[in-house]
C-alpha atoms as a PDB file:
ATOM      1  CA  MET A   1    -133.026-128.143   7.662  1.00  0.00           C
ATOM      2  CA  LYS A   2    -131.909-129.375  11.042  1.00  0.00           C
ATOM      3  CA  ASP A   3    -132.857-132.819  12.213  1.00  0.00           C
ATOM      4  CA  PRO A   4    -135.815-132.494  14.660  1.00  0.00           C
ATOM      5  CA  ALA A   5    -134.102-134.971  16.990  1.00  0.00           C
ATOM      6  CA  MET A   6    -131.005-132.766  17.140  1.00  0.00           C
ATOM      7  CA  MET A   7    -133.127-129.657  17.760  1.00  0.00           C
ATOM      8  CA  THR A   8    -134.772-131.446  20.680  1.00  0.00           C
ATOM      9  CA  ALA A   9    -131.442-132.682  22.054  1.00  0.00           C
ATOM     10  CA  GLU A  10    -129.747-129.273  22.010  1.00  0.00           C
ATOM     11  CA  PRO A  11    -132.086-127.630  24.581  1.00  0.00           C
ATOM     12  CA  GLY A  12    -131.817-130.779  26.687  1.00  0.00           C
ATOM     13  CA  LEU A  13    -128.021-130.657  26.638  1.00  0.00           C
ATOM     14  CA  THR A  14    -128.030-126.955  27.468  1.00  0.00           C
ATOM     15  CA  LEU A  15    -130.333-127.556  30.429  1.00  0.00           C
ATOM     16  CA  HIS A  16    -128.114-130.431  31.574  1.00  0.00           C
ATOM     17  CA  LEU A  17    -125.027-128.209  31.397  1.00  0.00           C
ATOM     18  CA  LEU A  18    -126.769-125.440  33.318  1.00  0.00           C
ATOM     19  CA  ARG A  19    -127.755-127.865  36.060  1.00  0.00           C
ATOM     20  CA  ALA A  20    -124.207-129.202  36.265  1.00  0.00           C
ATOM     21  CA  ALA A  21    -122.801-125.665  36.392  1.00  0.00           C
ATOM     22  CA  ARG A  22    -125.215-124.727  39.164  1.00  0.00           C
ATOM     23  CA  ALA A  23    -124.263-127.836  41.133  1.00  0.00           C
ATOM     24  CA  VAL A  24    -120.483-127.396  40.824  1.00  0.00           C
ATOM     25  CA  ILE A  25    -120.307-123.609  41.116  1.00  0.00           C
ATOM     26  CA  GLY A  26    -123.112-123.437  43.679  1.00  0.00           C
ATOM     27  CA  ARG A  27    -121.294-125.953  45.884  1.00  0.00           C
ATOM     28  CA  GLU A  28    -118.116-123.863  45.980  1.00  0.00           C
ATOM     29  CA  VAL A  29    -119.852-120.497  46.357  1.00  0.00           C
ATOM     30  CA  GLY A  30    -122.243-121.941  48.941  1.00  0.00           C
ATOM     31  CA  LYS A  31    -119.360-123.241  51.061  1.00  0.00           C
ATOM     32  CA  PHE A  32    -117.713-119.841  50.829  1.00  0.00           C
ATOM     33  CA  MET A  33    -120.863-117.953  51.852  1.00  0.00           C
ATOM     34  CA  ARG A  34    -121.377-120.250  54.838  1.00  0.00           C
ATOM     35  CA  GLN A  35    -117.859-119.459  56.072  1.00  0.00           C
ATOM     36  CA  PRO A  36    -117.595-115.668  56.562  1.00  0.00           C
ATOM     37  CA  ALA A  37    -114.317-116.201  58.392  1.00  0.00           C
ATOM     38  CA  ARG A  38    -112.893-117.458  55.105  1.00  0.00           C
ATOM     39  CA  LEU A  39    -113.487-114.071  53.489  1.00  0.00           C
ATOM     40  CA  GLY A  40    -111.934-112.357  56.490  1.00  0.00           C
ATOM     41  CA  SER A  41    -108.851-114.551  56.385  1.00  0.00           C
ATOM     42  CA  ALA A  42    -108.513-113.975  52.634  1.00  0.00           C
ATOM     43  CA  LEU A  43    -108.570-110.194  53.119  1.00  0.00           C
ATOM     44  CA  VAL A  44    -106.367-109.993  56.218  1.00  0.00           C
ATOM     45  CA  ARG A  45    -103.170-110.672  54.263  1.00  0.00           C
ATOM     46  CA  PRO A  46    -103.539-107.946  51.589  1.00  0.00           C
ATOM     47  CA  LEU A  47    -104.963-105.460  54.099  1.00  0.00           C
ATOM     48  CA  LEU A  48    -101.983-106.014  56.382  1.00  0.00           C
ATOM     49  CA  TRP A  49     -99.652-105.279  53.492  1.00  0.00           C
ATOM     50  CA  LEU A  50    -101.682-102.213  52.523  1.00  0.00           C
ATOM     51  CA  LEU A  51    -101.781-100.739  56.029  1.00  0.00           C
ATOM     52  CA  VAL A  52     -98.388-101.775  57.426  1.00  0.00           C
ATOM     53  CA  PHE A  53     -96.048-102.483  54.535  1.00  0.00           C
ATOM     54  CA  ALA A  54     -97.149 -99.443  52.526  1.00  0.00           C
ATOM     55  CA  ALA A  55     -96.729 -97.165  55.551  1.00  0.00           C
ATOM     56  CA  GLY A  56     -93.324 -98.558  56.491  1.00  0.00           C
ATOM     57  CA  PHE A  57     -91.867 -98.441  52.995  1.00  0.00           C
ATOM     58  CA  HIS A  58     -93.601 -95.330  51.718  1.00  0.00           C
ATOM     59  CA  ASN A  59     -90.346 -93.351  51.621  1.00  0.00           C
ATOM     60  CA  VAL A  60     -88.137 -96.314  50.730  1.00  0.00           C
ATOM     61  CA  PHE A  61     -89.831 -97.317  47.485  1.00  0.00           C
ATOM     62  CA  GLY A  62     -90.194 -94.101  45.586  1.00  0.00           C
ATOM     63  CA  VAL A  63     -92.352 -94.710  42.527  1.00  0.00           C
ATOM     64  CA  ALA A  64     -91.214 -92.784  39.484  1.00  0.00           C
ATOM     65  CA  ILE A  65     -93.468 -91.622  36.679  1.00  0.00           C
ATOM     66  CA  ILE A  66     -93.859 -94.854  34.717  1.00  0.00           C
ATOM     67  CA  PRO A  67     -96.723 -96.110  32.537  1.00  0.00           C
ATOM     68  CA  PRO A  68     -99.614 -96.101  33.152  1.00  0.00           C
ATOM     69  CA  TYR A  69     -99.062 -93.297  35.692  1.00  0.00           C
ATOM     70  CA  GLU A  70     -98.699 -89.741  34.470  1.00  0.00           C
ATOM     71  CA  THR A  71     -97.483 -88.292  37.763  1.00  0.00           C
ATOM     72  CA  TYR A  72     -95.926 -89.399  41.029  1.00  0.00           C
ATOM     73  CA  ILE A  73     -98.282 -91.527  43.119  1.00  0.00           C
ATOM     74  CA  GLU A  74     -98.547 -92.796  46.682  1.00  0.00           C
ATOM     75  CA  TYR A  75     -96.911 -96.144  47.252  1.00  0.00           C
ATOM     76  CA  ARG A  76    -100.164 -97.679  48.497  1.00  0.00           C
ATOM     77  CA  VAL A  77    -101.827 -96.736  45.203  1.00  0.00           C
ATOM     78  CA  TYR A  78     -99.038 -98.569  43.400  1.00  0.00           C
ATOM     79  CA  MET A  79     -99.494-101.623  45.660  1.00  0.00           C
ATOM     80  CA  VAL A  80    -103.234-102.101  45.135  1.00  0.00           C
ATOM     81  CA  PRO A  81    -102.993-103.950  41.770  1.00  0.00           C
ATOM     82  CA  GLY A  82    -100.364-106.277  43.215  1.00  0.00           C
ATOM     83  CA  LEU A  83    -102.510-106.986  46.268  1.00  0.00           C
ATOM     84  CA  LEU A  84    -105.502-107.712  44.047  1.00  0.00           C
ATOM     85  CA  GLY A  85    -103.300-110.176  42.204  1.00  0.00           C
ATOM     86  CA  MET A  86    -102.223-111.628  45.550  1.00  0.00           C
ATOM     87  CA  ILE A  87    -105.852-112.361  46.430  1.00  0.00           C
ATOM     88  CA  ALA A  88    -106.434-114.159  43.126  1.00  0.00           C
ATOM     89  CA  LEU A  89    -103.142-116.041  43.445  1.00  0.00           C
ATOM     90  CA  PHE A  90    -103.821-117.356  46.937  1.00  0.00           C
ATOM     91  CA  ASN A  91    -107.428-118.206  46.125  1.00  0.00           C
ATOM     92  CA  GLY A  92    -106.304-120.039  42.992  1.00  0.00           C
ATOM     93  CA  MET A  93    -104.033-122.165  45.160  1.00  0.00           C
ATOM     94  CA  GLN A  94    -106.864-122.600  47.681  1.00  0.00           C
ATOM     95  CA  SER A  95    -109.054-123.910  44.880  1.00  0.00           C
ATOM     96  CA  SER A  96    -106.259-126.324  44.064  1.00  0.00           C
ATOM     97  CA  LEU A  97    -106.328-127.525  47.670  1.00  0.00           C
ATOM     98  CA  SER A  98    -110.070-128.112  47.373  1.00  0.00           C
ATOM     99  CA  LEU A  99    -109.495-130.265  44.293  1.00  0.00           C
ATOM    100  CA  VAL A 100    -106.798-132.316  46.023  1.00  0.00           C
ATOM    101  CA  TYR A 101    -109.118-132.826  49.001  1.00  0.00           C
ATOM    102  CA  ASP A 102    -111.988-133.895  46.739  1.00  0.00           C
ATOM    103  CA  ARG A 103    -109.677-136.356  45.013  1.00  0.00           C
ATOM    104  CA  GLU A 104    -108.523-137.918  48.274  1.00  0.00           C
ATOM    105  CA  MET A 105    -112.109-138.163  49.564  1.00  0.00           C
ATOM    106  CA  GLY A 106    -113.344-139.702  46.308  1.00  0.00           C
ATOM    107  CA  MET A 107    -115.487-136.735  45.269  1.00  0.00           C
ATOM    108  CA  MET A 108    -113.343-136.007  42.218  1.00  0.00           C
ATOM    109  CA  ARG A 109    -113.827-139.534  40.904  1.00  0.00           C
ATOM    110  CA  LEU A 110    -117.589-139.167  41.194  1.00  0.00           C
ATOM    111  CA  LEU A 111    -117.459-135.779  39.495  1.00  0.00           C
ATOM    112  CA  LEU A 112    -115.317-136.932  36.577  1.00  0.00           C
ATOM    113  CA  THR A 113    -117.464-140.029  35.944  1.00  0.00           C
ATOM    114  CA  ALA A 114    -120.601-137.908  35.632  1.00  0.00           C
ATOM    115  CA  PRO A 115    -122.427-138.206  32.262  1.00  0.00           C
ATOM    116  CA  LEU A 116    -120.905-135.014  30.881  1.00  0.00           C
ATOM    117  CA  PRO A 117    -117.755-134.301  28.891  1.00  0.00           C
ATOM    118  CA  ARG A 118    -114.825-133.989  31.262  1.00  0.00           C
ATOM    119  CA  GLY A 119    -113.879-130.608  29.834  1.00  0.00           C
ATOM    120  CA  TRP A 120    -117.195-129.088  30.863  1.00  0.00           C
ATOM    121  CA  LEU A 121    -116.852-130.330  34.445  1.00  0.00           C
ATOM    122  CA  LEU A 122    -113.343-128.937  34.795  1.00  0.00           C
ATOM    123  CA  ALA A 123    -114.486-125.689  33.169  1.00  0.00           C
ATOM    124  CA  PHE A 124    -117.192-125.376  35.835  1.00  0.00           C
ATOM    125  CA  LYS A 125    -114.547-125.953  38.519  1.00  0.00           C
ATOM    126  CA  LEU A 126    -112.441-123.235  36.904  1.00  0.00           C
ATOM    127  CA  LEU A 127    -115.422-120.878  36.785  1.00  0.00           C
ATOM    128  CA  ALA A 128    -116.158-121.545  40.456  1.00  0.00           C
ATOM    129  CA  GLY A 129    -112.603-120.666  41.497  1.00  0.00           C
ATOM    130  CA  THR A 130    -112.638-117.603  39.252  1.00  0.00           C
ATOM    131  CA  THR A 131    -115.916-116.389  40.752  1.00  0.00           C
ATOM    132  CA  LEU A 132    -114.643-116.720  44.325  1.00  0.00           C
ATOM    133  CA  SER A 133    -111.446-114.809  43.497  1.00  0.00           C
ATOM    134  CA  TRP A 134    -113.425-112.095  41.731  1.00  0.00           C
ATOM    135  CA  LEU A 135    -115.769-111.605  44.699  1.00  0.00           C
ATOM    136  CA  GLN A 136    -112.838-111.337  47.105  1.00  0.00           C
ATOM    137  CA  MET A 137    -111.068-108.836  44.848  1.00  0.00           C
ATOM    138  CA  LEU A 138    -114.205-106.675  44.720  1.00  0.00           C
ATOM    139  CA  ALA A 139    -114.458-106.783  48.514  1.00  0.00           C
ATOM    140  CA  PHE A 140    -110.824-105.673  48.818  1.00  0.00           C
ATOM    141  CA  LEU A 141    -111.371-102.808  46.372  1.00  0.00           C
ATOM    142  CA  LEU A 142    -114.309-101.607  48.464  1.00  0.00           C
ATOM    143  CA  ILE A 143    -112.291-101.737  51.702  1.00  0.00           C
ATOM    144  CA  ALA A 144    -109.311-100.017  50.048  1.00  0.00           C
ATOM    145  CA  ALA A 145    -111.618 -97.208  48.896  1.00  0.00           C
ATOM    146  CA  LEU A 146    -112.971 -96.860  52.439  1.00  0.00           C
ATOM    147  CA  LEU A 147    -109.366 -96.604  53.682  1.00  0.00           C
ATOM    148  CA  GLY A 148    -108.751 -93.629  51.416  1.00  0.00           C
ATOM    149  CA  VAL A 149    -107.294 -95.145  48.261  1.00  0.00           C
ATOM    150  CA  GLU A 150    -108.886 -93.164  45.439  1.00  0.00           C
ATOM    151  CA  PHE A 151    -110.230 -94.754  42.260  1.00  0.00           C
ATOM    152  CA  GLU A 152    -112.020 -93.309  39.267  1.00  0.00           C
ATOM    153  CA  PRO A 153    -115.532 -94.864  39.223  1.00  0.00           C
ATOM    154  CA  ARG A 154    -115.553 -95.073  35.422  1.00  0.00           C
ATOM    155  CA  HIS A 155    -112.201 -96.841  35.491  1.00  0.00           C
ATOM    156  CA  LEU A 156    -113.469 -99.336  38.055  1.00  0.00           C
ATOM    157  CA  LEU A 157    -116.197-100.501  35.684  1.00  0.00           C
ATOM    158  CA  ALA A 158    -113.619-101.136  32.980  1.00  0.00           C
ATOM    159  CA  THR A 159    -111.449-102.977  35.517  1.00  0.00           C
ATOM    160  CA  LEU A 160    -114.090-105.588  36.408  1.00  0.00           C
ATOM    161  CA  PRO A 161    -113.576-107.812  33.327  1.00  0.00           C
ATOM    162  CA  VAL A 162    -109.796-107.510  33.692  1.00  0.00           C
ATOM    163  CA  LEU A 163    -110.072-108.722  37.292  1.00  0.00           C
ATOM    164  CA  LEU A 164    -112.153-111.627  36.023  1.00  0.00           C
ATOM    165  CA  LEU A 165    -109.536-112.546  33.419  1.00  0.00           C
ATOM    166  CA  ALA A 166    -106.684-112.314  35.941  1.00  0.00           C
ATOM    167  CA  ALA A 167    -108.651-114.481  38.376  1.00  0.00           C
ATOM    168  CA  ALA A 168    -109.287-117.019  35.598  1.00  0.00           C
ATOM    169  CA  LEU A 169    -105.561-117.322  34.828  1.00  0.00           C
ATOM    170  CA  LEU A 170    -104.609-117.960  38.444  1.00  0.00           C
ATOM    171  CA  ALA A 171    -107.552-120.333  38.993  1.00  0.00           C
ATOM    172  CA  ALA A 172    -106.439-122.268  35.885  1.00  0.00           C
ATOM    173  CA  LEU A 173    -102.911-122.365  37.310  1.00  0.00           C
ATOM    174  CA  GLY A 174    -104.320-123.862  40.507  1.00  0.00           C
ATOM    175  CA  LEU A 175    -106.326-126.372  38.481  1.00  0.00           C
ATOM    176  CA  MET A 176    -103.160-127.438  36.660  1.00  0.00           C
ATOM    177  CA  LEU A 177    -101.247-127.662  39.942  1.00  0.00           C
ATOM    178  CA  SER A 178    -103.906-129.967  41.425  1.00  0.00           C
ATOM    179  CA  VAL A 179    -102.967-132.567  38.789  1.00  0.00           C
ATOM    180  CA  HIS A 180     -99.473-132.938  40.231  1.00  0.00           C
ATOM    181  CA  VAL A 181    -100.130-132.550  43.974  1.00  0.00           C
ATOM    182  CA  ARG A 182    -101.246-136.013  45.002  1.00  0.00           C
ATOM    183  CA  GLN A 183    -101.599-135.618  48.782  1.00  0.00           C
ATOM    184  CA  LEU A 184    -102.762-132.885  51.132  1.00  0.00           C
ATOM    185  CA  GLU A 185     -99.553-133.242  53.139  1.00  0.00           C
ATOM    186  CA  ASN A 186     -97.516-132.110  50.134  1.00  0.00           C
ATOM    187  CA  PHE A 187     -99.734-129.162  49.318  1.00  0.00           C
ATOM    188  CA  ALA A 188     -98.117-126.575  51.621  1.00  0.00           C
ATOM    189  CA  GLY A 189     -94.697-127.096  50.065  1.00  0.00           C
ATOM    190  CA  ALA A 190     -96.118-126.939  46.567  1.00  0.00           C
ATOM    191  CA  MET A 191     -97.962-123.721  47.388  1.00  0.00           C
ATOM    192  CA  ASN A 192     -94.820-122.047  48.690  1.00  0.00           C
ATOM    193  CA  PHE A 193     -92.857-123.234  45.674  1.00  0.00           C
ATOM    194  CA  VAL A 194     -95.405-121.615  43.337  1.00  0.00           C
ATOM    195  CA  ILE A 195     -96.808-118.607  45.207  1.00  0.00           C
ATOM    196  CA  PHE A 196     -93.722-116.853  46.528  1.00  0.00           C
ATOM    197  CA  PRO A 197     -91.615-116.874  43.332  1.00  0.00           C
ATOM    198  CA  LEU A 198     -94.623-115.710  41.295  1.00  0.00           C
ATOM    199  CA  PHE A 199     -95.464-112.920  43.726  1.00  0.00           C
ATOM    200  CA  PHE A 200     -92.030-111.563  44.606  1.00  0.00           C
ATOM    201  CA  ILE A 201     -90.534-111.816  41.106  1.00  0.00           C
ATOM    202  CA  SER A 202     -93.132-109.441  39.731  1.00  0.00           C
ATOM    203  CA  PRO A 203     -94.015-105.716  39.782  1.00  0.00           C
ATOM    204  CA  ALA A 204     -96.531-106.312  42.586  1.00  0.00           C
ATOM    205  CA  LEU A 205     -94.424-104.477  45.199  1.00  0.00           C
ATOM    206  CA  TYR A 206     -91.914-102.459  43.163  1.00  0.00           C
ATOM    207  CA  PRO A 207     -91.429-101.423  39.534  1.00  0.00           C
ATOM    208  CA  LEU A 208     -89.352-103.770  37.402  1.00  0.00           C
ATOM    209  CA  TRP A 209     -86.901-101.007  36.545  1.00  0.00           C
ATOM    210  CA  LYS A 210     -85.666-101.168  40.136  1.00  0.00           C
ATOM    211  CA  LEU A 211     -84.496-104.741  39.545  1.00  0.00           C
ATOM    212  CA  GLU A 212     -82.680-103.676  36.409  1.00  0.00           C
ATOM    213  CA  GLU A 213     -81.191-100.643  38.178  1.00  0.00           C
ATOM    214  CA  ALA A 214     -79.915-102.907  40.961  1.00  0.00           C
ATOM    215  CA  GLY A 215     -78.170-105.142  38.448  1.00  0.00           C
ATOM    216  CA  ALA A 216     -80.517-108.101  39.006  1.00  0.00           C
ATOM    217  CA  HIS A 217     -80.832-108.772  35.286  1.00  0.00           C
ATOM    218  CA  LEU A 218     -81.837-112.412  35.684  1.00  0.00           C
ATOM    219  CA  LEU A 219     -84.654-111.527  38.071  1.00  0.00           C
ATOM    220  CA  HIS A 220     -85.718-108.735  35.743  1.00  0.00           C
ATOM    221  CA  ALA A 221     -85.929-111.168  32.831  1.00  0.00           C
ATOM    222  CA  LEU A 222     -87.850-113.720  34.910  1.00  0.00           C
ATOM    223  CA  ALA A 223     -90.287-111.044  36.062  1.00  0.00           C
ATOM    224  CA  ARG A 224     -90.992-110.003  32.486  1.00  0.00           C
ATOM    225  CA  PHE A 225     -91.952-113.579  31.569  1.00  0.00           C
ATOM    226  CA  ASN A 226     -93.842-114.196  34.816  1.00  0.00           C
ATOM    227  CA  PRO A 227     -97.577-114.595  34.024  1.00  0.00           C
ATOM    228  CA  PHE A 228     -98.427-113.085  37.402  1.00  0.00           C
ATOM    229  CA  SER A 229     -96.575-109.922  36.332  1.00  0.00           C
ATOM    230  CA  HIS A 230     -98.948-109.588  33.408  1.00  0.00           C
ATOM    231  CA  ALA A 231    -101.953-110.121  35.672  1.00  0.00           C
ATOM    232  CA  VAL A 232    -100.766-107.274  37.918  1.00  0.00           C
ATOM    233  CA  GLU A 233     -99.936-104.967  35.012  1.00  0.00           C
ATOM    234  CA  ALA A 234    -103.260-105.605  33.281  1.00  0.00           C
ATOM    235  CA  ILE A 235    -105.062-104.616  36.488  1.00  0.00           C
ATOM    236  CA  ARG A 236    -102.788-101.603  37.006  1.00  0.00           C
ATOM    237  CA  PHE A 237    -103.464-100.240  33.519  1.00  0.00           C
ATOM    238  CA  ALA A 238    -107.198-100.902  33.821  1.00  0.00           C
ATOM    239  CA  LEU A 239    -107.430 -98.975  37.103  1.00  0.00           C
ATOM    240  CA  CYS A 240    -105.896 -96.020  35.237  1.00  0.00           C
ATOM    241  CA  GLY A 241    -108.365 -96.331  32.368  1.00  0.00           C
ATOM    242  CA  GLN A 242    -105.825 -97.806  29.956  1.00  0.00           C
ATOM    243  CA  VAL A 243    -105.493-101.133  28.162  1.00  0.00           C
ATOM    244  CA  ASN A 244    -102.341-103.240  28.220  1.00  0.00           C
ATOM    245  CA  VAL A 245    -102.918-105.370  25.152  1.00  0.00           C
ATOM    246  CA  THR A 246     -99.828-107.531  25.688  1.00  0.00           C
ATOM    247  CA  SER A 247    -100.745-108.416  29.258  1.00  0.00           C
ATOM    248  CA  LEU A 248    -104.349-109.177  28.336  1.00  0.00           C
ATOM    249  CA  GLY A 249    -103.121-111.460  25.571  1.00  0.00           C
ATOM    250  CA  VAL A 250    -100.832-113.273  28.015  1.00  0.00           C
ATOM    251  CA  LEU A 251    -103.722-113.704  30.461  1.00  0.00           C
ATOM    252  CA  ALA A 252    -105.999-115.190  27.821  1.00  0.00           C
ATOM    253  CA  ALA A 253    -103.317-117.466  26.358  1.00  0.00           C
ATOM    254  CA  GLY A 254    -102.071-118.529  29.796  1.00  0.00           C
ATOM    255  CA  THR A 255    -105.577-119.427  30.955  1.00  0.00           C
ATOM    256  CA  ALA A 256    -106.164-121.540  27.844  1.00  0.00           C
ATOM    257  CA  LEU A 257    -102.781-123.276  28.195  1.00  0.00           C
ATOM    258  CA  CYS A 258    -103.147-124.067  31.910  1.00  0.00           C
ATOM    259  CA  PHE A 259    -106.679-125.353  31.382  1.00  0.00           C
ATOM    260  CA  ALA A 260    -105.560-127.532  28.463  1.00  0.00           C
ATOM    261  CA  LEU A 261    -102.748-129.024  30.569  1.00  0.00           C
ATOM    262  CA  ALA A 262    -105.147-129.645  33.463  1.00  0.00           C
ATOM    263  CA  LEU A 263    -107.605-131.305  31.104  1.00  0.00           C
ATOM    264  CA  ARG A 264    -104.843-133.555  29.816  1.00  0.00           C
ATOM    265  CA  GLY A 265    -103.807-134.367  33.384  1.00  0.00           C
ATOM    266  CA  TYR A 266    -107.317-135.464  34.273  1.00  0.00           C
ATOM    267  CA  ASP A 267    -107.634-137.524  31.076  1.00  0.00           C
ATOM    268  CA  PRO A 268    -108.127-141.184  32.116  1.00  0.00           C
ATOM    269  CA  GLN A 269    -106.029-142.344  29.146  1.00  0.00           C
ATOM    270  CA  ARG A 270    -102.990-140.114  29.749  1.00  0.00           C
ATOM    271  CA  GLY A 271    -103.080-138.322  33.111  1.00  0.00           C
ATOM    272  CA  TRP A 272    -102.947-139.181  36.798  1.00  0.00           C
ATOM    273  CA  MET A 273    -106.240-141.116  36.600  1.00  0.00           C
ATOM    274  CA  ARG A 274    -104.611-143.721  34.380  1.00  0.00           C
ATOM    275  CA  GLN A 275    -101.621-143.958  36.705  1.00  0.00           C
ATOM    276  CA  ARG A 276    -103.848-144.350  39.756  1.00  0.00           C
ATOM    277  CA  GLY A 277    -106.328-146.640  38.022  1.00  0.00           C
ATOM    278  CA  ALA A 278    -109.192-144.354  38.955  1.00  0.00           C
ATOM    279  CA  VAL A 279    -111.319-145.248  35.944  1.00  0.00           C
END
């Protein structure tokens, strides 16, 4: 039989965790909801690519019949998974900026000294960033559908958890990056160093076989090992009603690895907090 004291403590701990989750996630989502211009600015970039880039390069980037497609498709249809990944990538970096700001203002120190295991607090931060990315991706899908990009409704339902997993990977990447970016002034350079290689060395804008056909074998190899490539491909297959097991495995493993590294970085005995003397 369980100890009655432990049975009493378990509901109390669960309630404490729920309150902490509501505080951390509610703070981030609340800030986002109070700033509608933030949603607009997040969607302007992918919509510009969808409306302008897709139209300008429609006849330049011919998309052959490659998995998961069973016929030739419009270039803008091919771009949508990459643009969904773009939203999650930029929001993951934006979440990283929020963490750096909180650290400089002292909010991170208060958060990490709260009477809860540090892993839970960082997990709530990760969940907050994932939720914001997911909401923005859903908004983009709705606008893309209104602009004439066709999706199978039954495939969209199956895509929702894949979007969530892709958003979690890129939010975890941002969480890990926040460990190493010490000042807001250095954040823009760090963002460019991470975002642009991840985005452009991937199948977000063109199939990987085009890199191989052009003789760019190094770029082709880098793209295959790029975690963002797997995020895009997992979304692409899901929108076609198919499952890319390899990409989903990479997303899950990458999220766990990035979160573990972030947790180590925020460890007061080993990470930046020890170096800065924060606790």
